[in-house]
Amino acid sequence: MNRLALKIKEARLKAKMSEKDLAKAIGQNINYILQIESGKKVINEKLAEQILSVLNETMDFYVEPEPVKEDAVKKITVKPPVVKEPVISITPNESWTDALSGVIKEYPVFDEVSQKIVDHKSYSVLSKKVEGLHFEKVMFVKVSESECPTYRIHKNDVLTIQLTHEIQNQGIYYVEINRKKMIRQLVKSQNQVVLVSSGTSQSEVEIPLKDLKIIGKVIKVEFFL
C-alpha cells in the first residue's frame, strides 16, 4: 500500500465513514474505494485532494522529492538503506461484507444426478438479476448423465436453470422422474400427459403430469474446451 492510499484509509477511519459511505459521497462504487485503499488503483493528486476534502483532510503530507543534481549523484559512494513501508493487511469489515453481498453472489454448481456441489460460480447482481432472471430463481447444474446432443447438451456442460414449475411446450427442463433427476424436453399433451424426450424418437415416453416433478427450465448451456 502506498502512502497516499494509507492516508486516505486513515482519514476515512478518522471520519468514521465506511467504504460504502465514502464511495457514495464521491459518486463512485465501493470497489473503487477498496482498490484505492489497497493500493491496486493509483490516482493523481487532484483526485486525491477531492477525496481527502470530503474527509476534511488535506494533501499537506504529500511532498514530491526534489530532483537530485548531477554533481551530487557523482559524489554518492554508498547507497542509502531501503526503508520498507509497513505492510497493512485489509480485513473485510461488516459494512464491506454487507455492501458486496448486494453486488456479488456465489452460486453452487450441482451435479445433475447426485445433487452434490461440484463447483461454484460468482455473478454480479444488477437490479436483483443474474442472467436476466431474478437472482433467487437461478441455479446451476453440471451434466453428468443426460447427454442430449440434439439440443447441444453434452456431459460436463454447465446449465443455467430458471427455477419454475410451469411447462412451456418443447422447452428443455431439469426434471425428476421416479426419484431420478435428468435433463429432458417436455411437450404437454392432452389429458394431463407429458411427452418426455432426450432428443431422439427412441427415447420418447409419455408420463402422467402427476408423476413428473419439474425443477426448472434450461435457459443456457455453457461448455468448456
Protein backbone atom coordinates (compact mmCIF):
# COMPACT_ATOMS: atom_id res chain seq x y z
CA MET A 1 0.00 0.00 0.00
CA ASN A 2 1.47 3.42 -0.90
CA ARG A 3 1.47 6.49 1.36
CA LEU A 4 -1.42 8.14 -0.42
CA ALA A 5 -3.61 5.04 -0.14
CA LEU A 6 -2.75 4.75 3.55
CA LYS A 7 -3.53 8.44 4.10
CA ILE A 8 -6.99 8.06 2.52
CA LYS A 9 -7.79 4.95 4.57
CA GLU A 10 -6.67 6.60 7.84
CA ALA A 11 -8.65 9.75 7.04
CA ARG A 12 -11.78 7.71 6.31
CA LEU A 13 -11.46 5.77 9.57
CA LYS A 14 -10.88 9.03 11.45
CA ALA A 15 -14.04 10.46 9.87
CA LYS A 16 -15.89 7.28 10.93
CA MET A 17 -17.07 6.63 7.39
CA SER A 18 -17.43 3.20 5.82
CA GLU A 19 -16.06 2.41 2.35
CA LYS A 20 -19.64 2.46 1.11
CA ASP A 21 -20.32 5.91 2.62
CA LEU A 22 -17.15 7.37 1.06
CA ALA A 23 -17.92 5.84 -2.32
CA LYS A 24 -21.39 7.38 -2.24
CA ALA A 25 -20.02 10.77 -1.21
CA ILE A 26 -17.73 10.97 -4.25
CA GLY A 27 -20.16 9.38 -6.69
CA GLN A 28 -18.30 6.09 -7.11
CA ASN A 29 -18.94 2.44 -6.22
CA ILE A 30 -17.43 0.65 -3.22
CA ASN A 31 -14.99 -1.36 -5.37
CA TYR A 32 -13.39 1.92 -6.48
CA ILE A 33 -12.62 2.86 -2.84
CA LEU A 34 -11.40 -0.65 -1.99
CA GLN A 35 -8.96 -0.60 -4.91
CA ILE A 36 -7.60 2.84 -3.93
CA GLU A 37 -7.11 1.93 -0.25
CA SER A 38 -5.44 -1.39 -1.10
CA GLY A 39 -3.03 0.37 -3.47
CA LYS A 40 -4.29 -1.51 -6.52
CA LYS A 41 -5.55 1.69 -8.14
CA VAL A 42 -3.19 4.68 -8.49
CA ILE A 43 -4.85 8.11 -8.54
CA ASN A 44 -3.49 11.57 -9.26
CA GLU A 45 -3.11 14.39 -6.74
CA LYS A 46 -6.18 16.25 -7.93
CA LEU A 47 -8.47 13.29 -7.35
CA ALA A 48 -6.78 12.53 -4.04
CA GLU A 49 -7.41 16.13 -2.90
CA GLN A 50 -11.10 15.76 -3.79
CA ILE A 51 -11.41 12.56 -1.76
CA LEU A 52 -9.49 13.97 1.20
CA SER A 53 -11.58 17.15 1.16
CA VAL A 54 -14.69 15.02 1.72
CA LEU A 55 -12.89 13.58 4.75
CA ASN A 56 -11.82 17.06 5.97
CA GLU A 57 -8.15 16.33 5.30
CA THR A 58 -5.53 17.96 3.05
CA MET A 59 -2.58 16.89 0.92
CA ASP A 60 -0.05 18.68 3.15
CA PHE A 61 1.70 15.41 3.98
CA TYR A 62 2.47 14.61 0.35
CA VAL A 63 5.66 16.32 -0.86
CA GLU A 64 7.28 15.42 -4.15
CA PRO A 65 11.05 14.65 -3.74
CA GLU A 66 13.38 17.27 -5.16
CA PRO A 67 15.36 16.22 -8.23
CA VAL A 68 18.91 15.12 -7.44
CA LYS A 69 21.60 17.28 -9.07
CA GLU A 70 24.03 15.59 -11.41
CA ASP A 71 27.09 16.62 -9.29
CA ALA A 72 25.52 15.13 -6.22
CA VAL A 73 24.96 11.83 -7.96
CA LYS A 74 28.66 11.53 -8.79
CA LYS A 75 29.65 12.03 -5.15
CA ILE A 76 27.42 9.25 -3.84
CA THR A 77 29.53 6.21 -2.97
CA VAL A 78 27.22 4.31 -0.62
CA LYS A 79 23.59 3.57 -1.34
CA PRO A 80 21.26 4.58 1.46
CA PRO A 81 19.37 1.73 3.15
CA VAL A 82 15.97 0.91 1.68
CA VAL A 83 13.20 1.65 4.13
CA LYS A 84 10.28 -0.70 3.59
CA GLU A 85 6.83 0.62 4.22
CA PRO A 86 4.79 -1.37 6.74
CA VAL A 87 2.52 -3.98 5.21
CA ILE A 88 -1.04 -3.47 6.34
CA SER A 89 -3.47 -6.30 5.71
CA ILE A 90 -7.06 -5.36 4.94
CA THR A 91 -9.70 -7.40 6.72
CA PRO A 92 -13.25 -7.01 5.34
CA ASN A 93 -15.42 -5.38 7.96
CA GLU A 94 -19.17 -5.75 8.41
CA SER A 95 -20.07 -2.78 6.20
CA TRP A 96 -17.79 -4.07 3.41
CA THR A 97 -19.36 -7.55 3.55
CA ASP A 98 -22.91 -6.14 3.55
CA ALA A 99 -22.16 -3.92 0.56
CA LEU A 100 -20.53 -6.68 -1.52
CA SER A 101 -23.32 -9.17 -0.73
CA GLY A 102 -25.64 -6.95 -2.74
CA VAL A 103 -23.24 -6.85 -5.70
CA ILE A 104 -21.55 -10.29 -5.92
CA LYS A 105 -23.35 -13.59 -5.30
CA GLU A 106 -21.72 -17.01 -5.30
CA TYR A 107 -23.81 -19.90 -6.58
CA PRO A 108 -23.05 -23.62 -6.06
CA VAL A 109 -22.93 -25.84 -9.16
CA PHE A 110 -24.78 -29.11 -8.51
CA ASP A 111 -24.16 -32.50 -10.10
CA GLU A 112 -27.17 -33.36 -12.26
CA VAL A 113 -27.93 -36.72 -10.62
CA SER A 114 -26.31 -36.77 -7.17
CA GLN A 115 -27.06 -33.10 -6.38
CA LYS A 116 -23.62 -32.81 -4.76
CA ILE A 117 -21.86 -29.45 -5.06
CA VAL A 118 -19.06 -29.85 -7.63
CA ASP A 119 -18.11 -26.21 -8.24
CA HIS A 120 -19.08 -22.58 -7.64
CA LYS A 121 -19.85 -19.61 -9.91
CA SER A 122 -19.76 -15.93 -8.93
CA TYR A 123 -22.05 -13.39 -10.60
CA SER A 124 -22.65 -9.65 -10.32
CA VAL A 125 -26.21 -8.99 -9.23
CA LEU A 126 -27.57 -6.00 -11.12
CA SER A 127 -31.09 -4.79 -10.31
CA LYS A 128 -31.61 -8.10 -8.46
CA LYS A 129 -30.98 -10.04 -11.67
CA VAL A 130 -28.49 -12.65 -12.86
CA GLU A 131 -28.53 -13.82 -16.49
CA GLY A 132 -31.69 -11.73 -16.94
CA LEU A 133 -33.50 -13.64 -14.16
CA HIS A 134 -34.30 -12.80 -10.55
CA PHE A 135 -31.22 -13.80 -8.57
CA GLU A 136 -33.28 -16.09 -6.29
CA LYS A 137 -34.73 -18.01 -9.26
CA VAL A 138 -31.42 -19.28 -10.69
CA MET A 139 -29.46 -22.49 -10.15
CA PHE A 140 -26.55 -24.16 -11.96
CA VAL A 141 -26.30 -27.85 -12.85
CA LYS A 142 -23.37 -29.84 -14.30
CA VAL A 143 -24.45 -32.55 -16.72
CA SER A 144 -23.20 -35.98 -15.58
CA GLU A 145 -25.54 -38.36 -17.45
CA SER A 146 -28.24 -36.72 -19.58
CA GLU A 147 -26.40 -36.06 -22.80
CA CYS A 148 -28.82 -34.56 -25.35
CA PRO A 149 -26.69 -33.88 -28.46
CA THR A 150 -29.79 -32.86 -30.43
CA TYR A 151 -30.07 -29.88 -28.06
CA ARG A 152 -26.25 -29.37 -27.91
CA ILE A 153 -26.09 -30.61 -24.33
CA HIS A 154 -23.16 -32.89 -23.50
CA LYS A 155 -21.56 -34.40 -20.43
CA ASN A 156 -19.73 -31.87 -18.18
CA ASP A 157 -21.62 -28.90 -19.67
CA VAL A 158 -22.91 -26.43 -17.06
CA LEU A 159 -26.57 -25.48 -17.42
CA THR A 160 -28.20 -22.29 -16.18
CA ILE A 161 -31.61 -23.25 -14.79
CA GLN A 162 -34.58 -20.94 -14.22
CA LEU A 163 -36.47 -22.33 -11.24
CA THR A 164 -40.10 -22.88 -12.26
CA HIS A 165 -42.87 -25.48 -12.07
CA GLU A 166 -44.59 -24.45 -15.29
CA ILE A 167 -44.19 -26.14 -18.68
CA GLN A 168 -43.71 -24.32 -21.96
CA ASN A 169 -44.11 -26.79 -24.82
CA GLN A 170 -40.86 -28.04 -26.37
CA GLY A 171 -38.76 -26.42 -23.68
CA ILE A 172 -35.73 -28.18 -22.14
CA TYR A 173 -36.21 -28.86 -18.43
CA TYR A 174 -34.43 -30.21 -15.40
CA VAL A 175 -36.89 -32.76 -14.00
CA GLU A 176 -37.23 -35.63 -11.57
CA ILE A 177 -38.90 -38.90 -12.66
CA ASN A 178 -39.10 -41.89 -10.35
CA ARG A 179 -36.73 -40.14 -7.93
CA LYS A 180 -34.06 -39.67 -10.61
CA LYS A 181 -33.06 -36.24 -11.89
CA MET A 182 -32.40 -35.67 -15.60
CA ILE A 183 -32.45 -33.17 -18.49
CA ARG A 184 -35.34 -33.68 -20.94
CA GLN A 185 -37.52 -31.88 -23.49
CA LEU A 186 -41.16 -31.66 -22.42
CA VAL A 187 -44.25 -31.45 -24.59
CA LYS A 188 -47.55 -31.24 -22.74
CA SER A 189 -50.28 -33.33 -24.35
CA GLN A 190 -53.96 -33.65 -23.60
CA ASN A 191 -55.39 -35.41 -20.53
CA GLN A 192 -52.50 -34.25 -18.31
CA VAL A 193 -49.93 -36.40 -20.14
CA VAL A 194 -46.41 -35.12 -20.92
CA LEU A 195 -44.18 -36.37 -23.74
CA VAL A 196 -40.62 -36.63 -22.37
CA SER A 197 -37.62 -36.90 -24.71
CA SER A 198 -33.83 -36.64 -24.69
CA GLY A 199 -33.89 -35.64 -28.37
CA THR A 200 -34.39 -38.94 -30.15
CA SER A 201 -37.62 -40.72 -31.08
CA GLN A 202 -36.38 -43.89 -29.33
CA SER A 203 -36.19 -42.04 -26.01
CA GLU A 204 -39.69 -40.55 -26.13
CA VAL A 205 -42.05 -41.67 -23.37
CA GLU A 206 -45.40 -40.40 -22.16
CA ILE A 207 -45.69 -39.74 -18.46
CA PRO A 208 -48.67 -38.54 -16.41
CA LEU A 209 -48.08 -34.99 -15.29
CA LYS A 210 -48.60 -36.00 -11.66
CA ASP A 211 -45.59 -38.36 -11.86
CA LEU A 212 -43.30 -35.62 -13.16
CA LYS A 213 -41.52 -33.17 -10.85
CA ILE A 214 -40.34 -30.05 -12.66
CA ILE A 215 -37.34 -28.36 -11.06
CA GLY A 216 -36.61 -25.68 -13.64
CA LYS A 217 -36.17 -24.71 -17.26
CA VAL A 218 -32.78 -24.75 -19.03
CA ILE A 219 -32.04 -21.29 -20.42
CA LYS A 220 -28.32 -21.53 -21.16
CA VAL A 221 -25.68 -24.17 -21.92
CA GLU A 222 -22.05 -23.48 -21.03
CA PHE A 223 -19.35 -25.81 -22.32
CA PHE A 224 -15.60 -25.90 -21.78
CA LEU A 225 -12.91 -26.78 -24.31
